[in-house]
C-alpha atoms as a PDB file:
ATOM      1  CA  MET A   1     -27.121  68.482  73.566  1.00  0.00           C
ATOM      2  CA  GLU A   2     -23.364  68.057  73.277  1.00  0.00           C
ATOM      3  CA  LYS A   3     -21.461  70.750  71.508  1.00  0.00           C
ATOM      4  CA  SER A   4     -19.609  69.673  68.384  1.00  0.00           C
ATOM      5  CA  ASN A   5     -15.876  69.491  68.916  1.00  0.00           C
ATOM      6  CA  SER A   6     -13.118  70.178  66.377  1.00  0.00           C
ATOM      7  CA  THR A   7      -9.495  70.664  67.358  1.00  0.00           C
ATOM      8  CA  LEU A   8      -6.898  70.083  64.632  1.00  0.00           C
ATOM      9  CA  ASN A   9      -3.139  69.926  65.114  1.00  0.00           C
ATOM     10  CA  SER A  10      -3.400  71.177  68.659  1.00  0.00           C
ATOM     11  CA  THR A  11      -0.769  70.389  71.277  1.00  0.00           C
ATOM     12  CA  ILE A  12      -0.993  69.477  74.925  1.00  0.00           C
ATOM     13  CA  GLU A  13       1.757  68.992  77.499  1.00  0.00           C
ATOM     14  CA  VAL A  14       2.222  65.436  78.706  1.00  0.00           C
ATOM     15  CA  ASN A  15       5.194  64.123  80.716  1.00  0.00           C
ATOM     16  CA  ASN A  16       7.288  67.225  79.928  1.00  0.00           C
ATOM     17  CA  ILE A  17       6.739  66.976  76.178  1.00  0.00           C
ATOM     18  CA  LYS A  18       4.054  68.279  73.828  1.00  0.00           C
ATOM     19  CA  LEU A  19       1.833  65.817  72.001  1.00  0.00           C
ATOM     20  CA  SER A  20       0.021  66.903  68.838  1.00  0.00           C
ATOM     21  CA  TYR A  21      -3.513  65.656  68.300  1.00  0.00           C
ATOM     22  CA  ASN A  22      -6.732  66.016  66.334  1.00  0.00           C
ATOM     23  CA  ASP A  23     -10.036  65.910  68.209  1.00  0.00           C
ATOM     24  CA  VAL A  24     -13.241  65.982  66.161  1.00  0.00           C
ATOM     25  CA  GLY A  25     -16.926  65.206  66.549  1.00  0.00           C
ATOM     26  CA  ILE A  26     -19.117  64.427  69.517  1.00  0.00           C
ATOM     27  CA  GLY A  27     -19.629  61.384  71.708  1.00  0.00           C
ATOM     28  CA  LYS A  28     -19.842  60.262  75.309  1.00  0.00           C
ATOM     29  CA  ILE A  29     -16.987  57.780  74.963  1.00  0.00           C
ATOM     30  CA  PRO A  30     -14.266  59.038  72.604  1.00  0.00           C
ATOM     31  CA  VAL A  31     -12.303  56.703  70.354  1.00  0.00           C
ATOM     32  CA  VAL A  32      -8.556  57.413  70.565  1.00  0.00           C
ATOM     33  CA  PHE A  33      -6.493  56.303  67.552  1.00  0.00           C
ATOM     34  CA  LEU A  34      -2.820  55.313  67.790  1.00  0.00           C
ATOM     35  CA  HIS A  35      -0.716  55.279  64.635  1.00  0.00           C
ATOM     36  CA  GLY A  36       1.769  52.706  63.430  1.00  0.00           C
ATOM     37  CA  PHE A  37       5.535  52.957  62.981  1.00  0.00           C
ATOM     38  CA  PRO A  38       6.981  55.075  61.422  1.00  0.00           C
ATOM     39  CA  PHE A  39       3.886  57.098  60.572  1.00  0.00           C
ATOM     40  CA  ASN A  40       1.826  59.798  62.296  1.00  0.00           C
ATOM     41  CA  LYS A  41      -1.739  60.666  63.245  1.00  0.00           C
ATOM     42  CA  SER A  42      -2.661  61.642  59.676  1.00  0.00           C
ATOM     43  CA  MET A  43      -3.059  57.955  58.863  1.00  0.00           C
ATOM     44  CA  TRP A  44      -6.450  58.186  60.621  1.00  0.00           C
ATOM     45  CA  ASP A  45      -7.693  61.287  58.750  1.00  0.00           C
ATOM     46  CA  ASN A  46     -10.258  59.328  56.723  1.00  0.00           C
ATOM     47  CA  GLN A  47     -11.791  57.827  59.843  1.00  0.00           C
ATOM     48  CA  LEU A  48     -12.001  61.202  61.617  1.00  0.00           C
ATOM     49  CA  LYS A  49     -13.600  62.870  58.615  1.00  0.00           C
ATOM     50  CA  THR A  50     -16.042  60.024  57.955  1.00  0.00           C
ATOM     51  CA  PHE A  51     -17.385  59.844  61.508  1.00  0.00           C
ATOM     52  CA  GLU A  52     -17.146  63.468  62.651  1.00  0.00           C
ATOM     53  CA  GLU A  53     -20.938  63.932  62.615  1.00  0.00           C
ATOM     54  CA  THR A  54     -21.677  60.908  64.780  1.00  0.00           C
ATOM     55  CA  HIS A  55     -18.699  60.109  67.027  1.00  0.00           C
ATOM     56  CA  ARG A  56     -15.862  61.782  68.875  1.00  0.00           C
ATOM     57  CA  PHE A  57     -12.603  60.581  67.355  1.00  0.00           C
ATOM     58  CA  ILE A  58      -9.157  61.623  68.584  1.00  0.00           C
ATOM     59  CA  SER A  59      -5.856  60.866  66.835  1.00  0.00           C
ATOM     60  CA  VAL A  60      -2.526  61.591  68.473  1.00  0.00           C
ATOM     61  CA  ASP A  61       1.121  61.678  67.413  1.00  0.00           C
ATOM     62  CA  PHE A  62       3.401  59.624  69.632  1.00  0.00           C
ATOM     63  CA  ARG A  63       6.348  61.520  71.094  1.00  0.00           C
ATOM     64  CA  SER A  64       9.037  62.107  68.453  1.00  0.00           C
ATOM     65  CA  PHE A  65       6.608  61.409  65.592  1.00  0.00           C
ATOM     66  CA  GLY A  66       4.533  63.758  63.462  1.00  0.00           C
ATOM     67  CA  GLN A  67       4.147  67.145  65.115  1.00  0.00           C
ATOM     68  CA  SER A  68       4.791  65.997  68.677  1.00  0.00           C
ATOM     69  CA  THR A  69       7.969  66.926  70.545  1.00  0.00           C
ATOM     70  CA  ASN A  70      11.086  65.152  69.345  1.00  0.00           C
ATOM     71  CA  ASP A  71      13.287  64.961  72.428  1.00  0.00           C
ATOM     72  CA  ASP A  72      15.425  62.048  71.188  1.00  0.00           C
ATOM     73  CA  SER A  73      13.883  59.810  73.827  1.00  0.00           C
ATOM     74  CA  ALA A  74      14.880  56.180  74.136  1.00  0.00           C
ATOM     75  CA  LEU A  75      11.449  54.940  73.124  1.00  0.00           C
ATOM     76  CA  SER A  76       9.691  51.942  74.635  1.00  0.00           C
ATOM     77  CA  MET A  77       6.158  50.583  74.738  1.00  0.00           C
ATOM     78  CA  ASP A  78       6.042  51.376  78.469  1.00  0.00           C
ATOM     79  CA  LEU A  79       7.000  54.998  77.817  1.00  0.00           C
ATOM     80  CA  LEU A  80       4.476  55.404  75.005  1.00  0.00           C
ATOM     81  CA  GLY A  81       1.837  53.685  77.141  1.00  0.00           C
ATOM     82  CA  ASP A  82       2.540  56.100  79.987  1.00  0.00           C
ATOM     83  CA  ASP A  83       2.319  58.994  77.522  1.00  0.00           C
ATOM     84  CA  LEU A  84      -1.086  57.703  76.452  1.00  0.00           C
ATOM     85  CA  ILE A  85      -2.382  57.678  80.018  1.00  0.00           C
ATOM     86  CA  GLY A  86      -0.910  61.155  80.557  1.00  0.00           C
ATOM     87  CA  PHE A  87      -2.648  62.296  77.379  1.00  0.00           C
ATOM     88  CA  LEU A  88      -6.014  60.981  78.613  1.00  0.00           C
ATOM     89  CA  ASN A  89      -5.438  62.729  81.943  1.00  0.00           C
ATOM     90  CA  ALA A  90      -4.549  66.003  80.228  1.00  0.00           C
ATOM     91  CA  LEU A  91      -7.786  65.855  78.207  1.00  0.00           C
ATOM     92  CA  LYS A  92      -9.680  64.827  81.354  1.00  0.00           C
ATOM     93  CA  LEU A  93     -10.855  61.552  79.817  1.00  0.00           C
ATOM     94  CA  ARG A  94     -11.544  58.843  82.355  1.00  0.00           C
ATOM     95  CA  ARG A  95     -12.367  56.002  79.920  1.00  0.00           C
ATOM     96  CA  VAL A  96     -12.010  55.741  76.173  1.00  0.00           C
ATOM     97  CA  ILE A  97     -12.231  53.229  73.369  1.00  0.00           C
ATOM     98  CA  ILE A  98      -8.687  52.692  72.144  1.00  0.00           C
ATOM     99  CA  CYS A  99      -7.799  51.799  68.551  1.00  0.00           C
ATOM    100  CA  GLY A 100      -4.221  51.010  67.587  1.00  0.00           C
ATOM    101  CA  LEU A 101      -2.645  49.830  64.344  1.00  0.00           C
ATOM    102  CA  SER A 102       0.682  47.963  64.291  1.00  0.00           C
ATOM    103  CA  MET A 103       2.923  49.762  66.844  1.00  0.00           C
ATOM    104  CA  GLY A 104      -0.213  51.584  67.982  1.00  0.00           C
ATOM    105  CA  GLY A 105      -1.654  48.170  68.780  1.00  0.00           C
ATOM    106  CA  PHE A 106       1.461  47.263  70.773  1.00  0.00           C
ATOM    107  CA  VAL A 107       0.992  50.426  72.821  1.00  0.00           C
ATOM    108  CA  ALA A 108      -2.740  49.784  73.240  1.00  0.00           C
ATOM    109  CA  LEU A 109      -2.079  46.260  74.519  1.00  0.00           C
ATOM    110  CA  ASN A 110       0.659  47.548  76.815  1.00  0.00           C
ATOM    111  CA  ALA A 111      -1.615  50.202  78.281  1.00  0.00           C
ATOM    112  CA  ILE A 112      -4.775  48.132  78.654  1.00  0.00           C
ATOM    113  CA  THR A 113      -2.940  45.386  80.537  1.00  0.00           C
ATOM    114  CA  ARG A 114      -1.434  47.940  82.948  1.00  0.00           C
ATOM    115  CA  TYR A 115      -4.351  50.373  83.211  1.00  0.00           C
ATOM    116  CA  PRO A 116      -7.479  48.331  82.364  1.00  0.00           C
ATOM    117  CA  GLU A 117      -9.796  50.747  84.161  1.00  0.00           C
ATOM    118  CA  ARG A 118      -9.064  53.456  81.584  1.00  0.00           C
ATOM    119  CA  PHE A 119     -10.453  51.610  78.567  1.00  0.00           C
ATOM    120  CA  ALA A 120     -14.058  50.881  77.690  1.00  0.00           C
ATOM    121  CA  ALA A 121     -13.326  48.879  74.540  1.00  0.00           C
ATOM    122  CA  LEU A 122     -10.373  47.844  72.382  1.00  0.00           C
ATOM    123  CA  ILE A 123      -9.758  47.825  68.623  1.00  0.00           C
ATOM    124  CA  LEU A 124      -6.596  46.112  67.394  1.00  0.00           C
ATOM    125  CA  CYS A 125      -5.650  46.608  63.743  1.00  0.00           C
ATOM    126  CA  ASP A 126      -2.905  44.781  61.855  1.00  0.00           C
ATOM    127  CA  THR A 127      -0.917  44.117  65.004  1.00  0.00           C
ATOM    128  CA  ASN A 128       0.084  41.257  67.281  1.00  0.00           C
ATOM    129  CA  CYS A 129       0.975  40.363  70.865  1.00  0.00           C
ATOM    130  CA  VAL A 130       4.342  38.681  70.308  1.00  0.00           C
ATOM    131  CA  ALA A 131       7.848  39.907  71.051  1.00  0.00           C
ATOM    132  CA  ASP A 132      10.544  39.873  68.392  1.00  0.00           C
ATOM    133  CA  LYS A 133      12.272  36.551  67.902  1.00  0.00           C
ATOM    134  CA  PRO A 134      16.093  36.714  68.028  1.00  0.00           C
ATOM    135  CA  GLU A 135      16.361  36.673  64.233  1.00  0.00           C
ATOM    136  CA  GLN A 136      13.815  39.482  63.925  1.00  0.00           C
ATOM    137  CA  ARG A 137      15.669  41.541  66.516  1.00  0.00           C
ATOM    138  CA  GLU A 138      18.946  40.961  64.694  1.00  0.00           C
ATOM    139  CA  LYS A 139      17.341  42.093  61.434  1.00  0.00           C
ATOM    140  CA  ARG A 140      16.154  45.330  63.047  1.00  0.00           C
ATOM    141  CA  TYR A 141      19.659  46.080  64.338  1.00  0.00           C
ATOM    142  CA  LYS A 142      21.127  45.457  60.891  1.00  0.00           C
ATOM    143  CA  THR A 143      18.582  47.934  59.553  1.00  0.00           C
ATOM    144  CA  ILE A 144      19.729  50.422  62.193  1.00  0.00           C
ATOM    145  CA  GLU A 145      23.325  50.010  61.014  1.00  0.00           C
ATOM    146  CA  GLU A 146      22.220  50.654  57.428  1.00  0.00           C
ATOM    147  CA  ILE A 147      20.357  53.816  58.463  1.00  0.00           C
ATOM    148  CA  GLU A 148      23.343  55.065  60.473  1.00  0.00           C
ATOM    149  CA  GLN A 149      25.566  54.655  57.441  1.00  0.00           C
ATOM    150  CA  ASN A 150      23.292  55.624  54.549  1.00  0.00           C
ATOM    151  CA  GLY A 151      20.174  57.388  55.856  1.00  0.00           C
ATOM    152  CA  THR A 152      16.541  56.333  55.570  1.00  0.00           C
ATOM    153  CA  SER A 153      15.911  56.137  51.813  1.00  0.00           C
ATOM    154  CA  LYS A 154      16.664  52.418  51.480  1.00  0.00           C
ATOM    155  CA  PHE A 155      14.722  51.677  54.671  1.00  0.00           C
ATOM    156  CA  SER A 156      11.669  53.512  53.319  1.00  0.00           C
ATOM    157  CA  ALA A 157      11.789  51.708  49.969  1.00  0.00           C
ATOM    158  CA  THR A 158      12.100  48.297  51.624  1.00  0.00           C
ATOM    159  CA  PHE A 159       9.387  49.089  54.143  1.00  0.00           C
ATOM    160  CA  LEU A 160       6.964  50.218  51.423  1.00  0.00           C
ATOM    161  CA  ASP A 161       7.394  46.877  49.666  1.00  0.00           C
ATOM    162  CA  SER A 162       6.189  45.073  52.783  1.00  0.00           C
ATOM    163  CA  VAL A 163       3.234  47.147  54.011  1.00  0.00           C
ATOM    164  CA  PHE A 164       0.894  47.224  51.015  1.00  0.00           C
ATOM    165  CA  ALA A 165      -1.209  44.613  49.289  1.00  0.00           C
ATOM    166  CA  ASP A 166      -0.013  43.997  45.736  1.00  0.00           C
ATOM    167  CA  ASP A 167      -3.024  45.758  44.235  1.00  0.00           C
ATOM    168  CA  THR A 168      -2.582  48.807  46.469  1.00  0.00           C
ATOM    169  CA  TYR A 169       1.052  49.233  45.530  1.00  0.00           C
ATOM    170  CA  SER A 170       0.260  49.172  41.816  1.00  0.00           C
ATOM    171  CA  SER A 171      -3.076  51.020  41.709  1.00  0.00           C
ATOM    172  CA  ASN A 172      -2.960  53.589  44.527  1.00  0.00           C
ATOM    173  CA  LYS A 173       0.201  55.552  43.849  1.00  0.00           C
ATOM    174  CA  GLU A 174      -1.143  58.549  45.785  1.00  0.00           C
ATOM    175  CA  LEU A 175      -1.282  56.514  48.991  1.00  0.00           C
ATOM    176  CA  VAL A 176       2.147  54.987  48.378  1.00  0.00           C
ATOM    177  CA  THR A 177       3.592  58.466  47.823  1.00  0.00           C
ATOM    178  CA  LYS A 178       1.981  59.785  51.023  1.00  0.00           C
ATOM    179  CA  ILE A 179       3.294  56.932  53.157  1.00  0.00           C
ATOM    180  CA  ASN A 180       6.766  57.306  51.682  1.00  0.00           C
ATOM    181  CA  ALA A 181       6.702  61.018  52.538  1.00  0.00           C
ATOM    182  CA  ASP A 182       5.485  60.274  56.071  1.00  0.00           C
ATOM    183  CA  ILE A 183       8.354  57.840  56.616  1.00  0.00           C
ATOM    184  CA  LEU A 184      10.983  60.219  55.251  1.00  0.00           C
ATOM    185  CA  ALA A 185       9.607  63.068  57.388  1.00  0.00           C
ATOM    186  CA  ASN A 186      11.128  61.300  60.400  1.00  0.00           C
ATOM    187  CA  THR A 187      14.745  61.954  61.279  1.00  0.00           C
ATOM    188  CA  PRO A 188      17.043  58.914  61.114  1.00  0.00           C
ATOM    189  CA  GLU A 189      17.357  59.111  64.910  1.00  0.00           C
ATOM    190  CA  VAL A 190      13.585  58.795  65.384  1.00  0.00           C
ATOM    191  CA  ILE A 191      13.396  55.753  63.115  1.00  0.00           C
ATOM    192  CA  ILE A 192      16.359  54.190  64.913  1.00  0.00           C
ATOM    193  CA  ASN A 193      14.767  54.808  68.316  1.00  0.00           C
ATOM    194  CA  GLY A 194      11.508  53.334  67.035  1.00  0.00           C
ATOM    195  CA  LEU A 195      13.234  50.227  65.697  1.00  0.00           C
ATOM    196  CA  LYS A 196      14.958  49.716  69.044  1.00  0.00           C
ATOM    197  CA  ALA A 197      11.631  50.028  70.861  1.00  0.00           C
ATOM    198  CA  LEU A 198      10.061  47.445  68.556  1.00  0.00           C
ATOM    199  CA  ALA A 199      13.025  45.105  68.951  1.00  0.00           C
ATOM    200  CA  MET A 200      12.924  45.241  72.756  1.00  0.00           C
ATOM    201  CA  ARG A 201       9.166  45.169  73.321  1.00  0.00           C
ATOM    202  CA  ASN A 202       7.735  42.554  75.666  1.00  0.00           C
ATOM    203  CA  GLU A 203       5.128  40.038  74.625  1.00  0.00           C
ATOM    204  CA  THR A 204       1.541  40.599  75.750  1.00  0.00           C
ATOM    205  CA  CYS A 205       0.128  37.259  74.550  1.00  0.00           C
ATOM    206  CA  SER A 206       0.180  35.847  78.084  1.00  0.00           C
ATOM    207  CA  LYS A 207      -2.020  38.736  79.239  1.00  0.00           C
ATOM    208  CA  LEU A 208      -4.739  38.522  76.581  1.00  0.00           C
ATOM    209  CA  LYS A 209      -7.011  36.545  78.896  1.00  0.00           C
ATOM    210  CA  GLN A 210      -7.059  39.556  81.238  1.00  0.00           C
ATOM    211  CA  ILE A 211      -8.841  41.673  78.614  1.00  0.00           C
ATOM    212  CA  THR A 212     -12.560  41.700  79.349  1.00  0.00           C
ATOM    213  CA  VAL A 213     -13.798  44.750  77.420  1.00  0.00           C
ATOM    214  CA  PRO A 214     -15.494  44.470  74.002  1.00  0.00           C
ATOM    215  CA  THR A 215     -12.718  43.886  71.476  1.00  0.00           C
ATOM    216  CA  LEU A 216     -12.588  44.150  67.696  1.00  0.00           C
ATOM    217  CA  ILE A 217      -9.603  42.767  65.780  1.00  0.00           C
ATOM    218  CA  ILE A 218      -9.088  43.863  62.164  1.00  0.00           C
ATOM    219  CA  CYS A 219      -6.461  42.516  59.781  1.00  0.00           C
ATOM    220  CA  GLY A 220      -5.729  42.956  56.099  1.00  0.00           C
ATOM    221  CA  ARG A 221      -5.855  39.583  54.375  1.00  0.00           C
ATOM    222  CA  GLU A 222      -2.511  40.291  52.660  1.00  0.00           C
ATOM    223  CA  ASP A 223      -0.750  41.689  55.734  1.00  0.00           C
ATOM    224  CA  GLU A 224       2.829  40.387  55.634  1.00  0.00           C
ATOM    225  CA  VAL A 225       4.114  42.452  58.582  1.00  0.00           C
ATOM    226  CA  THR A 226       1.632  41.105  61.147  1.00  0.00           C
ATOM    227  CA  PRO A 227       0.056  38.135  59.344  1.00  0.00           C
ATOM    228  CA  LEU A 228      -3.543  37.062  59.764  1.00  0.00           C
ATOM    229  CA  GLU A 229      -2.681  34.043  61.888  1.00  0.00           C
ATOM    230  CA  GLN A 230      -1.439  36.402  64.600  1.00  0.00           C
ATOM    231  CA  SER A 231      -4.814  38.172  64.642  1.00  0.00           C
ATOM    232  CA  GLU A 232      -6.504  34.769  64.775  1.00  0.00           C
ATOM    233  CA  PHE A 233      -4.402  33.915  67.828  1.00  0.00           C
ATOM    234  CA  MET A 234      -5.489  37.106  69.615  1.00  0.00           C
ATOM    235  CA  ASN A 235      -9.107  36.460  68.641  1.00  0.00           C
ATOM    236  CA  LYS A 236      -8.875  32.998  70.175  1.00  0.00           C
ATOM    237  CA  HIS A 237      -7.419  34.246  73.453  1.00  0.00           C
ATOM    238  CA  ILE A 238      -9.377  37.479  74.038  1.00  0.00           C
ATOM    239  CA  LYS A 239     -12.745  36.403  75.361  1.00  0.00           C
ATOM    240  CA  ASP A 240     -15.717  37.242  73.123  1.00  0.00           C
ATOM    241  CA  SER A 241     -13.551  39.241  70.718  1.00  0.00           C
ATOM    242  CA  THR A 242     -14.518  39.657  67.061  1.00  0.00           C
ATOM    243  CA  LEU A 243     -12.160  39.235  64.110  1.00  0.00           C
ATOM    244  CA  LYS A 244     -12.797  40.966  60.790  1.00  0.00           C
ATOM    245  CA  VAL A 245     -10.619  40.462  57.712  1.00  0.00           C
ATOM    246  CA  ILE A 246     -10.247  43.201  55.101  1.00  0.00           C
ATOM    247  CA  ASN A 247      -9.783  41.847  51.585  1.00  0.00           C
ATOM    248  CA  ASN A 248      -7.305  43.455  49.177  1.00  0.00           C
ATOM    249  CA  ALA A 249      -5.463  45.088  52.068  1.00  0.00           C
ATOM    250  CA  GLY A 250      -2.042  44.623  53.575  1.00  0.00           C
ATOM    251  CA  HIS A 251      -0.635  46.146  56.749  1.00  0.00           C
ATOM    252  CA  LEU A 252      -2.437  49.493  56.401  1.00  0.00           C
ATOM    253  CA  SER A 253      -5.981  48.203  56.104  1.00  0.00           C
ATOM    254  CA  ASN A 254      -7.619  51.442  57.262  1.00  0.00           C
ATOM    255  CA  MET A 255      -5.930  53.376  54.445  1.00  0.00           C
ATOM    256  CA  GLU A 256      -5.918  50.743  51.714  1.00  0.00           C
ATOM    257  CA  GLN A 257      -9.608  49.858  51.995  1.00  0.00           C
ATOM    258  CA  PRO A 258     -11.127  52.694  54.051  1.00  0.00           C
ATOM    259  CA  LYS A 259     -14.759  51.969  53.138  1.00  0.00           C
ATOM    260  CA  ASP A 260     -14.541  48.342  54.242  1.00  0.00           C
ATOM    261  CA  PHE A 261     -12.548  49.278  57.337  1.00  0.00           C
ATOM    262  CA  ASN A 262     -15.029  51.999  58.291  1.00  0.00           C
ATOM    263  CA  ALA A 263     -17.947  49.620  57.828  1.00  0.00           C
ATOM    264  CA  GLU A 264     -16.417  47.194  60.326  1.00  0.00           C
ATOM    265  CA  LEU A 265     -15.608  50.049  62.679  1.00  0.00           C
ATOM    266  CA  LEU A 266     -19.190  51.352  62.547  1.00  0.00           C
ATOM    267  CA  GLU A 267     -20.643  47.896  63.092  1.00  0.00           C
ATOM    268  CA  PHE A 268     -18.525  47.489  66.222  1.00  0.00           C
ATOM    269  CA  LEU A 269     -19.336  50.951  67.586  1.00  0.00           C
ATOM    270  CA  SER A 270     -23.026  50.263  66.924  1.00  0.00           C
ATOM    271  CA  SER A 271     -22.975  46.828  68.584  1.00  0.00           C
ATOM    272  CA  GLU A 272     -25.107  46.089  71.618  1.00  0.00           C
ATOM    273  CA  PRO A 273     -22.256  46.051  74.182  1.00  0.00           C
ATOM    274  CA  ILE A 274     -20.998  49.460  73.046  1.00  0.00           C
ATOM    275  CA  ILE A 275     -24.458  51.029  72.786  1.00  0.00           C
ATOM    276  CA  THR A 276     -25.402  49.697  76.227  1.00  0.00           C
ATOM    277  CA  MET A 277     -22.219  51.164  77.685  1.00  0.00           C
ATOM    278  CA  VAL A 278     -22.798  54.543  76.035  1.00  0.00           C
ATOM    279  CA  ASN A 279     -26.411  54.656  77.193  1.00  0.00           C
ATOM    280  CA  SER A 280     -25.299  53.960  80.757  1.00  0.00           C
ATOM    281  CA  ILE A 281     -23.536  57.335  80.765  1.00  0.00           C
ATOM    282  CA  LYS A 282     -26.275  59.708  81.866  1.00  0.00           C
ATOM    283  CA  GLU A 283     -24.362  62.965  81.783  1.00  0.00           C
ATOM    284  CA  PRO A 284     -22.523  64.200  78.676  1.00  0.00           C
ATOM    285  CA  ASN A 285     -19.367  64.778  80.718  1.00  0.00           C
ATOM    286  CA  ALA A 286     -19.612  61.625  82.807  1.00  0.00           C
ATOM    287  CA  ASN A 287     -16.383  60.422  81.239  1.00  0.00           C
ATOM    288  CA  LEU A 288     -14.504  63.472  82.500  1.00  0.00           C
ATOM    289  CA  PHE A 289     -12.572  63.895  85.695  1.00  0.00           C
ATOM    290  CA  VAL A 290     -14.319  66.309  88.020  1.00  0.00           C
END
């Protein structure tokens, strides 16, 4: 029988930096959670706590975010994707299920198209496969100028207006306060580097047909940052993928409606393709490098 695992706010060296992560529960194929911009791994705390008795869930802070090393890197999806693979190597994980929300989804798509052999399944939440259009890129650089001149307070206030469903913003002040604090915990330089990485990211839409692993796509019905039609596009172009829509949720569907989100997550992890894959692993450590 596998031994229960619980590692909170631990660090591990990857590509000459230290990444902070939580690792809880048991399971032959871990699920690794990637946070959105400009948040941190704590956005997945509800999922880790809910499933700790039945699954192995790992959440990680990207470099510069949360409790990971802030080395003022010029961030990019390639760099964060390489960090992810280095993180899996450091934990001796050969294949995982990857779950990314927003920027975490960009990194997941980047990594799975470059290192498909490392991923057993894919979960994309409130994200998309497109690159910034010129007007979107220009808007990000104007935001950078505002942050350079006046700090991050205005950025945080504007960002909060866009990420939540109307009902969430008015009825769940505790969540709004937490997200605001998470944003402001970043230095202006980290937010600027993140905005530049988002502005310069490459599209992955043309590579969706290469994805052959079981894929779940989740989107809040009121998501204004990565609207539902973008999830519908990915669902259409990733073979045999499943799309689930979370009502009364915006861009942070896993936090706004955690019960509904977790129900969809459990249904996917309990689906026949996933169960068959898990059962094919005969040894508890078959997913580890030897």
